[in-house]
Amino acid sequence: MSTPKLPLINKALSEKDEILQRIEAQRLRLRERHARRLAALASQQDAQRVAGLGPDASLASRAAVFARLHPIAVAVAGAAALIVGPKRVIRWVGVAMPLVMKYRQR
């Protein structure tokens, strides 16, 4: 009677081993993916620091980088400032600058 059960036990053990191997392979893939994500994030932060976009960069540095990355937007903003006039631009900068500085302190 014990001989028919033996192949079933061996089959169950081999299935269990296969499942455990798949679980281990999945864990290994997840660990590698996490390590790649951390490496990509670190290199992105380094690139931002070099480019002047880091969290500790000055507002002038960030503005210069933005102007270099988005020249059309800066040209449109400059044209709008010329059309609106210097008095209105100064008034709106006086309103917007305290808001920008408040959000920058966070």
Protein backbone atom coordinates (compact mmCIF):
# COMPACT_ATOMS: atom_id res chain seq x y z
CA MET A 1 0.00 0.00 0.00
CA SER A 2 2.87 2.37 0.65
CA THR A 3 4.31 2.08 -2.86
CA PRO A 4 1.49 3.98 -4.64
CA LYS A 5 1.79 6.87 -2.18
CA LEU A 6 5.51 7.25 -2.69
CA PRO A 7 5.29 8.66 -6.25
CA LEU A 8 2.62 11.09 -5.08
CA ILE A 9 4.84 12.29 -2.25
CA ASN A 10 7.82 12.68 -4.62
CA LYS A 11 5.61 14.59 -7.07
CA ALA A 12 4.33 16.88 -4.32
CA LEU A 13 7.88 17.54 -3.11
CA SER A 14 9.10 18.29 -6.61
CA GLU A 15 6.18 20.68 -7.19
CA LYS A 16 6.93 22.37 -3.89
CA ASP A 17 10.60 22.72 -4.86
CA GLU A 18 9.62 24.22 -8.22
CA ILE A 19 7.36 26.74 -6.50
CA LEU A 20 10.08 27.66 -4.02
CA GLN A 21 12.56 28.12 -6.87
CA ARG A 22 10.12 30.39 -8.70
CA ILE A 23 9.56 32.40 -5.53
CA GLU A 24 13.30 32.79 -5.05
CA ALA A 25 13.75 33.84 -8.69
CA GLN A 26 10.96 36.42 -8.26
CA ARG A 27 12.62 37.80 -5.13
CA LEU A 28 15.93 38.04 -6.94
CA ARG A 29 14.31 39.92 -9.84
CA LEU A 30 12.62 42.32 -7.41
CA ARG A 31 15.89 42.95 -5.55
CA GLU A 32 17.70 43.67 -8.83
CA ARG A 33 14.90 45.95 -10.00
CA HIS A 34 15.00 47.84 -6.70
CA ALA A 35 18.79 48.23 -6.93
CA ARG A 36 18.50 49.53 -10.51
CA ARG A 37 15.81 52.01 -9.45
CA LEU A 38 17.98 53.29 -6.58
CA ALA A 39 20.98 53.64 -8.90
CA ALA A 40 18.90 55.54 -11.47
CA LEU A 41 17.53 57.85 -8.80
CA ALA A 42 21.01 58.54 -7.44
CA SER A 43 22.39 59.31 -10.90
CA GLN A 44 19.42 61.58 -11.62
CA GLN A 45 20.00 63.51 -8.40
CA ASP A 46 23.71 63.85 -9.22
CA ALA A 47 22.86 65.14 -12.69
CA GLN A 48 20.44 67.67 -11.21
CA ARG A 49 23.06 68.89 -8.76
CA VAL A 50 25.57 69.31 -11.57
CA ALA A 51 23.02 71.06 -13.78
CA GLY A 52 22.02 73.44 -10.99
CA LEU A 53 18.57 71.96 -10.38
CA GLY A 54 19.25 70.42 -6.99
CA PRO A 55 17.10 71.27 -3.98
CA ASP A 56 19.85 73.45 -2.54
CA ALA A 57 20.44 75.44 -5.75
CA SER A 58 19.81 79.18 -5.72
CA LEU A 59 16.78 80.68 -7.42
CA ALA A 60 19.00 82.44 -9.96
CA SER A 61 20.72 79.17 -10.82
CA ARG A 62 17.39 77.42 -11.28
CA ALA A 63 16.13 80.27 -13.46
CA ALA A 64 19.24 80.07 -15.64
CA VAL A 65 18.85 76.31 -16.05
CA PHE A 66 15.15 76.74 -16.86
CA ALA A 67 16.00 79.38 -19.47
CA ARG A 68 18.57 77.07 -21.02
CA LEU A 69 16.17 74.12 -21.10
CA HIS A 70 13.08 76.04 -22.25
CA PRO A 71 14.14 78.96 -24.48
CA ILE A 72 10.75 79.26 -26.21
CA ALA A 73 8.89 79.63 -22.92
CA VAL A 74 11.33 82.32 -21.80
CA ALA A 75 10.94 84.14 -25.14
CA VAL A 76 7.15 84.05 -24.84
CA ALA A 77 7.33 85.33 -21.25
CA GLY A 78 9.67 88.13 -22.35
CA ALA A 79 7.40 89.10 -25.24
CA ALA A 80 4.39 89.12 -22.90
CA ALA A 81 6.32 91.33 -20.47
CA LEU A 82 7.10 93.79 -23.28
CA ILE A 83 3.49 93.88 -24.42
CA VAL A 84 2.03 94.31 -20.93
CA GLY A 85 4.52 96.96 -19.90
CA PRO A 86 7.09 97.32 -17.17
CA LYS A 87 4.75 98.79 -14.51
CA ARG A 88 2.37 95.83 -14.62
CA VAL A 89 5.24 93.35 -14.70
CA ILE A 90 6.78 94.94 -11.60
CA ARG A 91 3.38 94.94 -9.87
CA TRP A 92 2.77 91.24 -10.65
CA VAL A 93 6.30 90.29 -9.63
CA GLY A 94 5.65 92.09 -6.35
CA VAL A 95 2.58 89.89 -5.86
CA ALA A 96 4.09 86.61 -7.07
CA MET A 97 7.54 86.82 -5.46
CA PRO A 98 6.34 86.48 -1.83
CA LEU A 99 4.33 83.40 -2.85
CA VAL A 100 7.34 81.88 -4.60
CA MET A 101 9.57 82.55 -1.62
CA LYS A 102 7.00 81.07 0.78
CA TYR A 103 6.81 77.84 -1.22
CA ARG A 104 10.59 77.75 -1.58
CA GLN A 105 11.05 77.72 2.20
CA ARG A 106 9.02 74.50 2.57
